[in-house]
Protein backbone atom coordinates (compact mmCIF):
# COMPACT_ATOMS: atom_id res chain seq x y z
CA MET A 1 -49.66 -255.55 90.02
CA MET A 2 -53.69 -254.30 90.08
CA ASP A 3 -55.86 -253.77 93.04
CA ALA A 4 -57.89 -256.64 93.68
CA PRO A 5 -61.85 -254.52 94.01
CA ASP A 6 -60.88 -252.59 90.77
CA ARG A 7 -59.30 -255.96 88.96
CA LEU A 8 -62.06 -257.81 86.54
CA ASP A 9 -60.57 -261.33 85.79
CA GLY A 10 -61.65 -263.19 82.29
CA TRP A 11 -64.14 -262.11 79.47
CA LYS A 12 -67.21 -263.04 81.30
CA GLU A 13 -66.21 -260.32 83.94
CA ILE A 14 -65.68 -257.72 81.46
CA ALA A 15 -68.59 -258.62 79.46
CA SER A 16 -70.94 -257.75 82.57
CA TYR A 17 -69.24 -254.80 83.64
CA ILE A 18 -69.50 -252.83 80.21
CA GLY A 19 -73.14 -254.72 79.43
CA ARG A 20 -72.02 -255.97 76.22
CA SER A 21 -71.48 -259.94 75.61
CA THR A 22 -68.71 -261.65 75.87
CA ARG A 23 -68.16 -261.87 71.80
CA THR A 24 -68.83 -257.84 71.65
CA ALA A 25 -65.65 -257.85 74.06
CA ILE A 26 -63.56 -259.32 72.21
CA ARG A 27 -64.31 -257.85 68.96
CA TRP A 28 -64.04 -254.57 71.45
CA HIS A 29 -60.47 -255.11 72.39
CA LYS A 30 -59.36 -256.04 68.67
CA GLU A 31 -60.80 -253.09 66.78
CA LEU A 32 -61.74 -250.15 69.62
CA ASP A 33 -58.59 -251.34 72.01
CA LEU A 34 -60.80 -251.88 74.99
CA PRO A 35 -58.11 -252.15 78.02
CA VAL A 36 -57.69 -255.52 78.23
CA ARG A 37 -54.42 -257.25 79.49
CA ARG A 38 -52.71 -260.60 79.40
CA ILE A 39 -51.58 -262.23 82.17
CA SER A 40 -48.94 -264.52 81.31
CA GLY A 41 -47.72 -268.25 82.91
CA SER A 42 -50.79 -270.28 82.73
CA HIS A 43 -51.38 -272.73 80.10
CA ARG A 44 -54.01 -271.32 79.05
CA PRO A 45 -54.23 -267.50 77.85
CA ILE A 46 -55.95 -264.91 80.93
CA VAL A 47 -58.06 -261.97 80.69
CA SER A 48 -58.28 -259.59 82.71
CA ALA A 49 -58.81 -255.62 83.43
CA LEU A 50 -59.83 -252.84 85.58
CA ARG A 51 -62.17 -250.16 86.13
CA SER A 52 -61.08 -247.30 86.11
CA GLU A 53 -59.53 -247.90 82.51
CA ILE A 54 -62.47 -249.25 81.55
CA ASP A 55 -64.18 -246.18 83.16
CA GLU A 56 -61.65 -243.64 81.20
CA TRP A 57 -61.81 -245.66 77.90
CA GLU A 58 -66.20 -245.60 78.19
CA ARG A 59 -65.54 -241.62 78.54
CA GLU A 60 -63.39 -241.31 75.88
CA ARG A 61 -65.15 -243.66 73.79
CA ARG A 62 -68.25 -240.87 74.40
CA GLU A 63 -67.09 -237.81 73.82
CA HIS A 64 -65.89 -239.34 70.31
CA GLN A 65 -69.76 -240.21 69.61
CA ALA A 66 -68.03 -243.99 68.51
CA VAL A 67 -70.84 -245.32 68.43
CA ALA A 68 -71.20 -248.32 65.50
CA ALA A 69 -72.59 -246.54 62.12
CA ARG A 70 -74.07 -248.83 60.31
CA ALA A 71 -74.83 -249.07 56.88
CA ASN A 72 -77.98 -249.68 57.40
CA TYR A 73 -80.73 -250.92 59.87
CA LYS A 74 -80.41 -254.91 59.48
CA THR A 75 -76.33 -254.50 60.80
CA ILE A 76 -74.01 -253.40 63.25
CA GLY A 77 -70.68 -253.94 64.40
CA LEU A 78 -68.51 -250.90 62.09
CA ALA A 79 -67.92 -248.54 65.13
CA ALA A 80 -64.32 -248.73 64.33
CA GLY A 81 -65.73 -246.40 61.01
CA ALA A 82 -67.82 -244.61 63.28
CA LEU A 83 -64.98 -243.44 66.02
CA ALA A 84 -62.24 -242.57 61.99
CA LEU A 85 -64.81 -239.97 61.07
CA VAL A 86 -64.27 -237.87 64.52
CA LEU A 87 -60.66 -237.98 63.83
CA GLY A 88 -59.94 -236.32 61.14
CA ALA A 89 -59.10 -232.26 60.31
CA PHE A 90 -60.22 -229.76 62.05
CA ALA A 91 -63.57 -228.14 62.64
CA TYR A 92 -64.54 -225.56 64.48
CA VAL A 93 -67.06 -223.11 65.81
CA GLN A 94 -65.75 -219.28 64.80
CA TRP A 95 -66.92 -215.44 66.06
CA PHE A 96 -65.86 -213.15 63.50
CA GLN A 97 -66.38 -209.29 64.46
CA ASP A 98 -66.55 -207.72 61.66
CA ASP A 99 -65.94 -204.33 63.02
CA GLU A 100 -62.01 -205.12 63.82
CA PRO A 101 -59.10 -205.79 61.34
CA GLY A 102 -58.82 -208.83 60.16
CA TYR A 103 -62.18 -210.28 60.63
CA ALA A 104 -64.00 -211.59 57.76
CA PRO A 105 -67.69 -211.54 57.01
CA ALA A 106 -69.78 -214.30 56.90
CA PRO A 107 -68.72 -216.20 53.12
CA GLU A 108 -71.74 -215.58 50.65
CA ILE A 109 -73.23 -218.63 48.05
CA GLN A 110 -70.71 -218.38 45.14
CA ASP A 111 -71.81 -220.05 41.42
CA ALA A 112 -74.94 -222.10 42.68
CA SER A 113 -75.44 -223.95 39.81
CA ALA A 114 -71.84 -225.26 39.64
CA VAL A 115 -72.66 -227.18 42.42
CA ALA A 116 -73.19 -231.04 42.19
CA ARG A 117 -76.53 -232.34 42.27
CA ALA A 118 -75.77 -234.64 45.30
CA PRO A 119 -77.88 -238.80 45.37
CA MET A 120 -80.75 -238.62 48.29
CA ARG A 121 -79.73 -242.16 49.87
CA GLY A 122 -83.05 -242.28 52.00
CA ARG A 123 -81.35 -243.51 55.18
CA PRO A 124 -78.36 -240.76 56.43
CA PRO A 125 -75.77 -243.31 58.59
CA GLU A 126 -77.11 -242.22 61.82
CA TYR A 127 -75.02 -243.72 65.19
CA PHE A 128 -77.05 -246.22 66.98
CA GLU A 129 -77.05 -249.82 67.17
CA VAL A 130 -79.64 -252.42 67.05
CA VAL A 131 -79.57 -254.27 70.46
CA GLY A 132 -83.04 -256.91 69.67
CA HIS A 133 -84.87 -256.77 66.38
CA TRP A 134 -87.73 -259.66 66.19
CA LYS A 135 -89.74 -259.17 62.69
CA PHE A 136 -92.13 -262.42 63.27
CA ASP A 137 -91.75 -263.61 59.64
CA GLU A 138 -91.02 -266.93 60.38
CA SER A 139 -93.40 -269.08 58.62
CA SER A 140 -93.63 -271.66 61.25
CA GLY A 141 -92.18 -272.84 64.66
CA ALA A 142 -92.25 -271.31 68.68
CA THR A 143 -89.44 -269.54 67.87
CA ALA A 144 -88.69 -265.49 67.13
CA VAL A 145 -85.63 -264.66 65.13
CA ASP A 146 -83.81 -262.04 66.45
CA SER A 147 -82.75 -260.64 62.73
CA SER A 148 -80.49 -257.97 64.10
CA GLY A 149 -78.10 -260.55 63.40
CA ASN A 150 -76.71 -260.55 67.45
CA GLY A 151 -78.79 -264.24 68.52
CA HIS A 152 -81.46 -262.95 71.07
CA ASP A 153 -83.89 -265.16 69.69
CA GLY A 154 -87.32 -265.81 71.62
CA GLN A 155 -89.24 -268.37 72.37
CA ILE A 156 -93.01 -267.83 71.34
CA PHE A 157 -95.75 -269.31 74.30
CA GLY A 158 -99.09 -269.10 72.68
CA ALA A 159 -99.28 -266.52 70.69
CA THR A 160 -100.10 -267.10 67.33
CA ARG A 161 -99.01 -266.87 63.60
CA VAL A 162 -101.07 -263.75 61.83
CA PRO A 163 -100.05 -261.31 58.18
CA GLY A 164 -98.94 -258.74 59.46
CA LEU A 165 -98.15 -255.31 57.87
CA SER A 166 -95.23 -256.61 56.06
CA GLY A 167 -94.51 -259.97 56.66
CA GLY A 168 -95.76 -262.16 59.46
CA ALA A 169 -97.19 -261.56 62.84
CA LEU A 170 -97.90 -262.43 66.03
CA ALA A 171 -101.47 -262.39 67.48
CA PHE A 172 -101.87 -261.91 71.20
CA ASP A 173 -105.14 -262.98 73.20
CA GLY A 174 -104.07 -261.10 77.09
CA ASP A 175 -102.35 -264.73 77.94
CA ASP A 176 -99.38 -265.14 75.65
CA SER A 177 -96.19 -264.01 75.06
CA VAL A 178 -92.42 -263.65 73.68
CA VAL A 179 -89.81 -265.26 76.22
CA ILE A 180 -85.95 -263.62 74.86
CA PRO A 181 -83.29 -264.91 77.78
CA HIS A 182 -81.35 -262.07 79.27
CA ASP A 183 -78.16 -260.91 78.25
CA PRO A 184 -75.76 -258.58 79.00
CA GLU A 185 -75.87 -257.27 76.14
CA LEU A 186 -80.04 -256.46 75.94
CA ASP A 187 -79.28 -253.73 78.99
CA VAL A 188 -79.23 -250.62 77.19
CA ARG A 189 -78.23 -248.11 79.77
CA GLY A 190 -77.49 -243.95 78.69
CA ALA A 191 -79.41 -243.54 75.59
CA ILE A 192 -82.46 -246.33 74.07
CA THR A 193 -85.08 -246.22 71.55
CA ILE A 194 -87.73 -248.86 71.32
CA GLU A 195 -89.87 -249.47 68.79
CA ALA A 196 -92.82 -251.69 67.91
CA VAL A 197 -95.48 -251.47 64.93
CA ILE A 198 -98.62 -252.71 66.79
CA LYS A 199 -102.61 -253.20 66.43
CA CYS A 200 -105.18 -253.06 69.18
CA ILE A 201 -107.91 -255.62 68.79
CA GLY A 202 -110.42 -254.08 70.90
CA PRO A 203 -110.29 -252.25 74.42
CA GLN A 204 -107.89 -253.16 76.93
CA THR A 205 -108.10 -253.67 80.68
CA GLY A 206 -105.33 -253.28 82.92
CA SER A 207 -103.09 -250.62 84.02
CA TRP A 208 -99.62 -252.25 82.70
CA ILE A 209 -100.20 -253.82 79.11
CA THR A 210 -97.00 -255.09 78.24
CA ILE A 211 -96.32 -254.60 74.46
CA ILE A 212 -91.95 -255.39 75.57
CA VAL A 213 -90.44 -254.99 79.10
CA LYS A 214 -87.04 -255.98 80.62
CA ASN A 215 -87.25 -255.44 84.66
CA LEU A 216 -87.87 -256.82 88.20
CA PRO A 217 -91.13 -256.08 89.75
CA GLY A 218 -90.58 -253.78 92.47
CA VAL A 219 -87.06 -252.38 91.61
CA THR A 220 -86.41 -248.75 90.82
CA GLY A 221 -85.00 -247.52 87.66
CA ASN A 222 -84.15 -250.48 86.40
CA GLY A 223 -84.09 -252.10 82.62
CA TYR A 224 -86.84 -250.40 80.31
CA GLU A 225 -90.13 -251.44 78.67
CA LEU A 226 -93.25 -250.05 76.35
CA GLN A 227 -96.34 -250.40 77.39
CA LEU A 228 -100.28 -249.56 77.29
CA ARG A 229 -103.08 -249.02 79.42
CA GLY A 230 -106.68 -249.79 79.28
CA HIS A 231 -109.34 -246.70 79.64
CA GLY A 232 -112.84 -247.89 78.86
CA ASP A 233 -112.79 -248.74 74.99
CA ASP A 234 -109.89 -247.27 74.39
CA CYS A 235 -106.17 -248.33 73.37
CA VAL A 236 -103.40 -246.34 75.80
CA LEU A 237 -99.71 -246.07 75.03
CA GLN A 238 -98.28 -245.35 78.41
CA THR A 239 -96.09 -243.43 79.62
CA TYR A 240 -93.68 -241.74 82.99
CA LEU A 241 -94.86 -238.65 81.42
CA GLY A 242 -98.42 -239.42 80.23
CA ALA A 243 -100.26 -240.67 78.04
CA THR A 244 -101.77 -240.68 74.65
CA ASN A 245 -104.53 -242.96 73.02
CA LEU A 246 -104.69 -245.02 70.32
CA SER A 247 -106.63 -245.55 67.43
CA LEU A 248 -108.84 -249.59 67.34
CA ASP A 249 -108.09 -252.10 65.02
CA GLU A 250 -105.78 -249.63 63.51
CA TRP A 251 -102.09 -250.50 63.06
CA HIS A 252 -99.83 -247.89 64.56
CA HIS A 253 -95.89 -247.21 64.91
CA VAL A 254 -95.18 -246.50 68.87
CA VAL A 255 -91.82 -245.38 69.84
CA TRP A 256 -90.39 -244.00 73.16
CA GLN A 257 -86.88 -242.88 73.61
CA GLN A 258 -84.76 -241.67 76.76
CA ASP A 259 -82.10 -239.45 75.66
CA GLY A 260 -80.04 -238.46 79.06
CA ASN A 261 -82.93 -237.19 81.38
CA ILE A 262 -85.40 -236.24 78.43
CA ALA A 263 -87.81 -238.81 76.81
CA ARG A 264 -90.20 -238.63 74.12
CA ALA A 265 -92.92 -240.57 72.31
CA TYR A 266 -93.60 -241.18 69.37
CA VAL A 267 -97.22 -242.39 67.40
CA ASP A 268 -97.14 -242.75 63.80
CA GLY A 269 -94.00 -240.41 63.03
CA ARG A 270 -95.48 -237.15 65.31
CA VAL A 271 -94.25 -236.43 68.76
CA GLU A 272 -96.77 -236.53 70.98
CA ILE A 273 -94.74 -236.59 74.39
CA GLU A 274 -91.36 -234.82 74.59
CA ALA A 275 -90.30 -233.69 78.36
CA PRO A 276 -87.64 -233.97 80.91
CA LEU A 277 -87.76 -237.31 83.17
CA GLY A 278 -86.69 -236.04 86.44
CA ALA A 279 -83.73 -238.76 86.97
CA ALA A 280 -82.22 -240.70 83.85
CA ARG A 281 -83.30 -243.80 82.98
CA PRO A 282 -82.74 -247.00 83.18
CA ALA A 283 -80.51 -246.18 85.50
CA THR A 284 -79.10 -249.93 86.82
CA PRO A 285 -79.39 -252.76 84.12
CA SER A 286 -81.68 -255.59 84.82
CA PRO A 287 -81.10 -259.46 84.84
CA ALA A 288 -84.43 -260.19 83.92
CA PRO A 289 -85.13 -261.60 80.43
CA VAL A 290 -86.97 -259.53 78.18
CA HIS A 291 -91.20 -260.39 77.24
CA ILE A 292 -92.60 -259.64 74.85
CA GLY A 293 -96.88 -259.44 74.50
CA GLY A 294 -97.18 -260.82 77.82
CA SER A 295 -95.01 -261.11 81.40
CA SER A 296 -95.04 -263.09 84.15
CA GLN A 297 -95.30 -260.38 86.56
CA ALA A 298 -98.64 -259.50 88.64
CA THR A 299 -98.36 -256.21 87.86
CA ARG A 300 -98.82 -256.69 84.79
CA THR A 301 -101.52 -257.88 81.72
CA GLY A 302 -101.47 -259.05 79.01
CA PHE A 303 -101.35 -257.02 75.59
CA ALA A 304 -104.53 -258.80 72.96
CA GLY A 305 -103.54 -257.33 69.48
CA VAL A 306 -101.25 -258.24 67.00
CA ILE A 307 -97.24 -257.12 67.03
CA ASP A 308 -96.08 -256.74 63.37
CA GLU A 309 -92.38 -256.42 64.82
CA ILE A 310 -90.30 -255.05 67.52
CA ARG A 311 -87.05 -253.07 67.99
CA VAL A 312 -84.72 -252.30 71.04
CA SER A 313 -81.47 -249.77 69.87
CA ARG A 314 -78.90 -247.96 72.14
CA GLY A 315 -78.71 -244.32 71.44
CA ILE A 316 -81.64 -242.12 69.48
CA VAL A 317 -83.07 -243.29 66.24
CA THR A 318 -84.45 -240.08 64.41
CA PRO A 319 -87.49 -240.57 62.01
CA LEU A 320 -85.70 -240.88 58.96
CA ASP A 321 -84.45 -244.72 60.08
CA PHE A 322 -88.26 -245.41 62.04
CA LEU A 323 -89.19 -248.76 61.26
CA PRO A 324 -91.08 -248.69 58.20
CA SER A 325 -94.90 -248.77 58.98
CA CYS A 326 -96.29 -247.52 55.15
CA PRO A 327 -99.62 -246.17 54.43
CA LYS A 328 -101.08 -248.02 51.31
CA SER A 329 -101.22 -245.01 49.02
CA GLY A 330 -102.46 -241.52 48.99
CA VAL A 331 -102.61 -238.27 50.88
CA ARG A 332 -104.94 -239.08 54.48
CA VAL A 333 -106.34 -235.94 56.18
CA PHE A 334 -107.14 -236.93 59.49
CA ASP A 335 -109.45 -233.88 61.58
CA ASN A 336 -109.28 -233.39 65.05
CA HIS A 337 -112.35 -235.82 65.11
CA GLY A 338 -110.41 -238.91 63.91
CA GLU A 339 -112.85 -238.51 60.31
CA SER A 340 -110.02 -238.67 57.24
CA THR A 341 -110.31 -237.38 53.51
CA THR A 342 -108.27 -239.18 51.10
CA PHE A 343 -106.03 -236.93 48.57
CA THR A 344 -104.28 -237.65 45.28
CA ASP A 345 -102.26 -234.33 45.54
CA LEU A 346 -100.15 -233.59 48.85
CA GLN A 347 -100.45 -229.19 48.24
CA ARG A 348 -104.56 -230.14 47.82
CA ALA A 349 -104.94 -231.91 51.11
CA VAL A 350 -102.16 -229.10 53.29
CA ALA A 351 -104.48 -226.92 51.52
CA SER A 352 -107.29 -228.04 52.75
CA ALA A 353 -106.25 -229.64 56.67
CA SER A 354 -108.64 -227.73 59.51
CA ASP A 355 -106.77 -227.35 62.96
CA GLY A 356 -105.95 -230.47 64.50
CA SER A 357 -105.56 -232.05 61.41
CA ARG A 358 -103.21 -234.70 61.35
CA ILE A 359 -101.67 -235.59 57.63
CA GLU A 360 -100.42 -239.05 56.58
CA VAL A 361 -98.86 -239.27 53.43
CA ALA A 362 -98.05 -243.02 52.19
CA PRO A 363 -95.06 -242.90 48.82
CA GLY A 364 -94.90 -241.04 46.47
CA VAL A 365 -93.78 -237.69 44.26
CA PHE A 366 -94.08 -234.35 44.92
CA PRO A 367 -91.98 -232.28 42.42
CA TYR A 368 -93.17 -228.79 43.64
CA VAL A 369 -92.42 -226.66 47.13
CA VAL A 370 -95.16 -227.51 49.29
CA GLU A 371 -97.35 -224.05 50.70
CA VAL A 372 -98.22 -224.20 54.48
CA SER A 373 -100.04 -220.67 55.55
CA GLY A 374 -101.63 -220.47 58.42
CA LYS A 375 -102.25 -223.57 59.45
CA THR A 376 -102.47 -224.39 63.32
CA ASN A 377 -101.93 -227.44 65.55
CA VAL A 378 -101.39 -229.80 62.23
CA SER A 379 -98.89 -232.62 61.79
CA ILE A 380 -97.67 -233.57 58.03
CA ILE A 381 -96.21 -236.79 58.32
CA ALA A 382 -94.47 -239.01 55.87
CA ARG A 383 -94.03 -242.58 56.15
CA CYS A 384 -91.34 -245.21 54.39
CA GLY A 385 -89.74 -242.23 52.12
CA THR A 386 -92.38 -239.16 50.09
CA ASP A 387 -89.87 -237.27 47.65
CA VAL A 388 -90.54 -233.35 47.75
CA SER A 389 -89.19 -230.42 45.95
CA GLY A 390 -89.45 -227.96 49.37
CA TRP A 391 -91.86 -226.60 51.99
CA ARG A 392 -92.39 -223.08 52.34
CA VAL A 393 -94.05 -221.86 56.04
CA GLU A 394 -95.57 -218.88 56.92
CA SER A 395 -98.29 -217.20 59.74
CA SER A 396 -98.85 -220.82 60.86
CA ASN A 397 -98.63 -222.16 64.91
CA ASN A 398 -97.44 -225.86 66.12
CA VAL A 399 -96.93 -227.13 62.73
CA THR A 400 -95.02 -230.28 62.09
CA ILE A 401 -93.22 -231.22 59.18
CA SER A 402 -92.01 -235.07 59.57
CA GLY A 403 -90.35 -237.74 56.83
CA PHE A 404 -90.18 -236.49 53.90
CA ARG A 405 -86.81 -236.53 51.26
CA ILE A 406 -86.36 -232.86 49.70
CA ASP A 407 -84.27 -232.30 47.14
CA ALA A 408 -84.22 -229.00 45.75
CA SER A 409 -82.00 -228.98 43.35
CA ASP A 410 -84.99 -227.10 40.82
CA THR A 411 -86.43 -224.70 42.91
CA GLY A 412 -84.13 -222.03 43.30
CA GLU A 413 -84.33 -221.88 46.95
CA ALA A 414 -83.80 -222.64 50.14
CA ALA A 415 -85.62 -226.43 50.84
CA ILE A 416 -87.41 -225.77 53.49
CA THR A 417 -88.24 -221.85 54.30
CA LEU A 418 -89.68 -220.77 57.77
CA LEU A 419 -90.55 -217.17 56.53
CA GLY A 420 -90.23 -214.01 59.32
CA GLU A 421 -91.16 -210.29 60.07
CA GLU A 422 -95.12 -210.31 59.76
CA VAL A 423 -95.81 -214.14 58.24
CA SER A 424 -94.13 -215.61 61.35
CA ASN A 425 -94.20 -218.77 63.06
CA VAL A 426 -94.91 -219.95 66.32
CA GLY A 427 -93.52 -223.24 67.68
CA ILE A 428 -92.81 -225.15 64.27
CA THR A 429 -91.06 -228.48 64.18
CA ILE A 430 -88.62 -230.21 61.89
CA SER A 431 -87.89 -233.25 62.43
CA GLY A 432 -86.77 -236.38 60.63
CA ASN A 433 -86.31 -235.12 56.37
CA GLU A 434 -83.42 -235.51 54.22
CA ILE A 435 -82.87 -232.11 53.67
CA ALA A 436 -80.38 -231.61 50.32
CA ASN A 437 -79.56 -230.15 46.68
CA SER A 438 -80.73 -226.71 47.48
CA GLN A 439 -79.19 -223.93 45.47
CA GLY A 440 -79.63 -221.78 48.65
CA HIS A 441 -79.58 -222.64 52.37
CA GLY A 442 -81.05 -226.44 53.52
CA VAL A 443 -83.00 -224.42 56.24
CA PHE A 444 -84.05 -221.30 56.06
CA VAL A 445 -85.79 -219.49 59.82
CA GLY A 446 -86.54 -216.17 58.39
CA PRO A 447 -86.85 -213.18 61.77
CA SER A 448 -89.23 -213.14 64.15
CA ASN A 449 -89.93 -217.37 63.69
CA TRP A 450 -90.47 -218.42 67.40
CA GLU A 451 -89.85 -221.87 69.50
CA ILE A 452 -88.84 -223.21 66.09
CA ASP A 453 -87.64 -227.56 66.59
CA LEU A 454 -85.31 -228.74 64.39
CA THR A 455 -84.79 -231.99 65.00
CA GLY A 456 -83.01 -235.48 63.51
CA ASN A 457 -82.68 -234.02 59.85
CA TYR A 458 -79.74 -235.11 57.09
CA VAL A 459 -78.98 -231.64 55.73
CA HIS A 460 -76.91 -232.10 52.68
CA HIS A 461 -75.05 -230.83 49.81
CA ASN A 462 -76.91 -227.43 49.84
CA ALA A 463 -74.70 -224.21 47.82
CA GLY A 464 -75.67 -222.39 51.23
CA ASP A 465 -75.62 -222.89 54.67
CA GLY A 466 -77.22 -226.05 55.82
CA ILE A 467 -79.10 -224.34 58.37
CA HIS A 468 -79.44 -220.43 58.41
CA LEU A 469 -80.94 -218.21 60.90
CA ALA A 470 -81.33 -214.69 59.94
CA GLY A 471 -83.19 -213.89 63.54
CA GLU A 472 -81.92 -211.33 66.32
CA GLY A 473 -84.01 -211.65 69.14
CA ASP A 474 -84.72 -214.65 72.13
CA ASP A 475 -86.28 -216.45 69.61
CA ASN A 476 -85.69 -220.43 71.25
CA TYR A 477 -84.42 -222.29 68.46
CA TYR A 478 -83.53 -225.91 69.35
CA ILE A 479 -80.98 -227.52 67.46
CA LYS A 480 -80.40 -230.91 67.93
CA HIS A 481 -79.64 -234.49 66.61
CA ASN A 482 -78.89 -233.53 63.32
CA LEU A 483 -76.10 -234.33 60.66
CA ILE A 484 -75.18 -232.07 58.85
CA GLN A 485 -72.02 -232.42 55.81
CA HIS A 486 -71.12 -231.16 52.79
CA ASN A 487 -73.11 -227.99 52.62
CA CYS A 488 -71.43 -225.72 50.36
CA LEU A 489 -70.98 -222.49 53.30
CA ASN A 490 -71.31 -223.11 56.90
CA GLY A 491 -73.06 -226.27 58.85
CA LEU A 492 -74.74 -223.98 60.91
CA ASN A 493 -74.94 -219.86 60.82
CA ILE A 494 -76.53 -218.96 63.90
CA GLY A 495 -76.83 -215.31 62.49
CA ARG A 496 -76.92 -212.76 66.31
CA GLU A 497 -79.25 -214.92 67.30
CA ARG A 498 -79.49 -214.97 71.15
CA SER A 499 -81.79 -218.04 72.49
CA LEU A 500 -81.17 -221.38 71.19
CA LEU A 501 -79.99 -224.89 71.98
CA VAL A 502 -77.72 -226.86 69.42
CA TYR A 503 -77.22 -229.90 70.71
CA ASN A 504 -75.98 -234.11 70.01
CA ASN A 505 -75.39 -233.10 66.20
CA THR A 506 -72.74 -233.95 64.06
CA ILE A 507 -71.51 -231.07 61.76
CA SER A 508 -68.73 -231.91 59.22
CA HIS A 509 -67.36 -231.77 56.04
CA ASN A 510 -68.79 -228.08 55.23
CA GLY A 511 -67.14 -225.17 53.53
CA THR A 512 -67.27 -227.23 50.33
CA SER A 513 -66.71 -224.10 47.62
CA SER A 514 -66.37 -221.59 50.09
CA PRO A 515 -64.15 -220.93 53.39
CA GLY A 516 -67.52 -222.51 55.55
CA TYR A 517 -67.52 -223.00 59.09
CA GLY A 518 -69.04 -226.12 61.40
CA ILE A 519 -70.82 -223.38 63.42
CA PHE A 520 -70.96 -219.30 62.41
CA ALA A 521 -72.17 -216.55 64.95
CA GLU A 522 -72.74 -212.72 63.78
CA PRO A 523 -71.57 -210.71 66.89
CA VAL A 524 -73.51 -209.53 69.35
CA ASP A 525 -73.53 -206.75 72.54
CA ASP A 526 -71.17 -208.68 75.01
CA ALA A 527 -74.61 -208.65 77.46
CA ALA A 528 -76.99 -209.43 74.37
CA ARG A 529 -76.08 -212.83 73.71
CA GLY A 530 -78.72 -214.17 75.90
CA PHE A 531 -79.05 -218.08 76.11
CA VAL A 532 -76.69 -220.31 73.95
CA THR A 533 -76.01 -223.73 74.78
CA VAL A 534 -73.59 -225.02 72.30
CA VAL A 535 -73.07 -229.03 73.61
CA ASP A 536 -72.16 -232.76 73.11
CA ASN A 537 -71.58 -231.84 69.69
CA ILE A 538 -69.32 -233.44 66.77
CA ILE A 539 -67.57 -230.53 65.13
CA THR A 540 -65.55 -231.85 62.47
CA ASN A 541 -63.52 -231.76 59.32
CA ASN A 542 -65.07 -228.57 58.25
CA GLN A 543 -63.46 -226.35 55.73
CA GLY A 544 -62.76 -222.85 57.17
CA THR A 545 -59.72 -220.99 57.58
CA VAL A 546 -58.35 -219.49 60.57
CA ALA A 547 -58.73 -215.35 59.95
CA ALA A 548 -55.82 -213.43 61.18
CA GLY A 549 -55.61 -212.39 64.44
CA GLN A 550 -57.71 -214.87 65.51
CA SER A 551 -57.31 -214.78 69.33
CA SER A 552 -59.50 -216.55 72.29
CA ARG A 553 -60.63 -213.43 73.51
CA ASP A 554 -63.40 -213.03 71.12
CA LEU A 555 -65.32 -215.92 73.01
CA ALA A 556 -64.71 -214.03 76.11
CA ASN A 557 -68.17 -212.13 75.36
CA TYR A 558 -70.11 -215.35 75.45
CA PRO A 559 -68.70 -217.57 78.29
CA GLU A 560 -71.86 -219.85 78.05
CA ILE A 561 -70.77 -221.29 74.78
CA LEU A 562 -66.95 -220.95 75.43
CA ASP A 563 -67.83 -223.06 78.66
CA SER A 564 -69.96 -225.70 75.96
CA LEU A 565 -67.14 -225.76 74.18
CA ASP A 566 -64.60 -226.41 76.39
CA HIS A 567 -66.19 -229.19 78.07
CA SER A 568 -69.29 -231.64 75.77
CA ASN A 569 -67.78 -230.68 72.38
CA THR A 570 -65.34 -232.48 70.25
CA THR A 571 -63.54 -230.44 67.86
CA THR A 572 -60.25 -231.84 65.68
CA CYS A 573 -57.99 -230.29 65.34
CA SER A 574 -55.30 -229.52 62.11
CA CYS A 575 -51.45 -228.30 61.15
CA GLU A 576 -53.24 -224.82 60.07
CA ALA A 577 -55.69 -224.10 63.14
CA VAL A 578 -53.08 -223.16 66.00
CA GLN A 579 -54.21 -219.63 66.57
CA ALA A 580 -57.43 -221.15 67.13
CA LEU A 581 -57.19 -223.83 69.53
CA ASP A 582 -58.84 -221.66 72.20
CA VAL A 583 -61.97 -220.74 70.62
CA ALA A 584 -62.08 -224.06 69.26
CA GLY A 585 -62.49 -225.66 72.41
CA GLY A 586 -59.64 -227.86 70.86
CA ASP A 587 -56.37 -229.64 72.94
């Protein structure tokens, strides 16, 4: 018999416990085997569940990253398909000792010309679930329709309908709001992304200006929010970690996301803030309704401006999947004083950029490899789909390249090359790009590059490794939230690199023409590996074969990697991988 304190009675209690609607709880029971028991002996069906069994089910679900995979950013509910993705044949991290019998060196690129060109998908199948999406595109009426399909429609109080950046928008005068009733499905625990396309009309006044908020006043760590504050003549995006200015009377795409205790803020595709929160937020669900543009809380101020759309998602949304907020045309270079110059050619724009510039690239095609040389504090952001043939970066500091579709099929080299040795780089961020069809590696990072951040990229169908690190030092690389698939050799080749974080990537179906591995590493001395952390990745369905004589002792030299693999990465096993189970951390 169920222990009463552990028992949940009825779909309503079960749905409240998992933080979803009753409809979603029933669907998860049918599609994802949410553990629910039917009690017989009544004239109508009665269901119950145990909190302990649901907790165990959620733990296993998180390990497999089986959140809803969507066909496009407007639909949800494909969680069963996402789960199937991670339950394929075995793929594993393989360390070779090339100075001992029975161990092979890293595979080499064979015939790059035989690699079929893959279509550029534009938006990869990222794992996140849209909870609510309010576009404000209705032609009339007092209802703001939730276009996610979840039925979280809101009521408009005072805000007026005006033309927006894309379709319609709502104008707020500081006293207006949109209110969406509370629903457990709107409570997002764990990773969350909040996006808004907004325009500040004139200076803002107040310390906590509402864009969207769902929390109770005076209760620490409940719910979520995206807010501004006034500061003189400025409009300022305000976060727990700091603030960044937004220019007045211009459209901006702003993003706030939390992943465990790490948070980041984007403005127009560029990371402005990224740091630890100190504590995971939101820590608890909130019974409060969602308010957009204004709030009844006495400590908050209403927004004076226009909101084109707002989207709340469960999970981490990368720049490839951000809401579209497109420049009209050309390539605009903003200097560090905010003055802009418009070019038609991307290479000319990059060459002209002074230190501290921001380059915004409208949709277009630039069929050449763009060279970035000798630049400092420059961000190059593509919005809504811009195609280039490749990037080559040298002698540059603090450069960001984000949001591009990079089809390198005609270049004969890596899609992105960070040159090393005497032309090395420091602080390069490659984020939210689609990287495909290279006749070499997808991303090649040469020796002596430092503080390299590869985040949220979709790397697929390259003739070499998806990502290849050629360094041999403590160079501090961050490989996060990438989808690395269908590359001919290894998904990620870390070489002899001794200091890196490999976090929350999906690495699958690599080694398509030569035996390759999810992650490959060359041998180094026992004490020289440094700080290598491989955590919370899905590594599956890669085609590497097991080397003769393979055993778990090959990872004994690197206990921090073995510990990560054993405790936090998802790997699945095939019949030919028996000897490598200990190496992979599989079971």
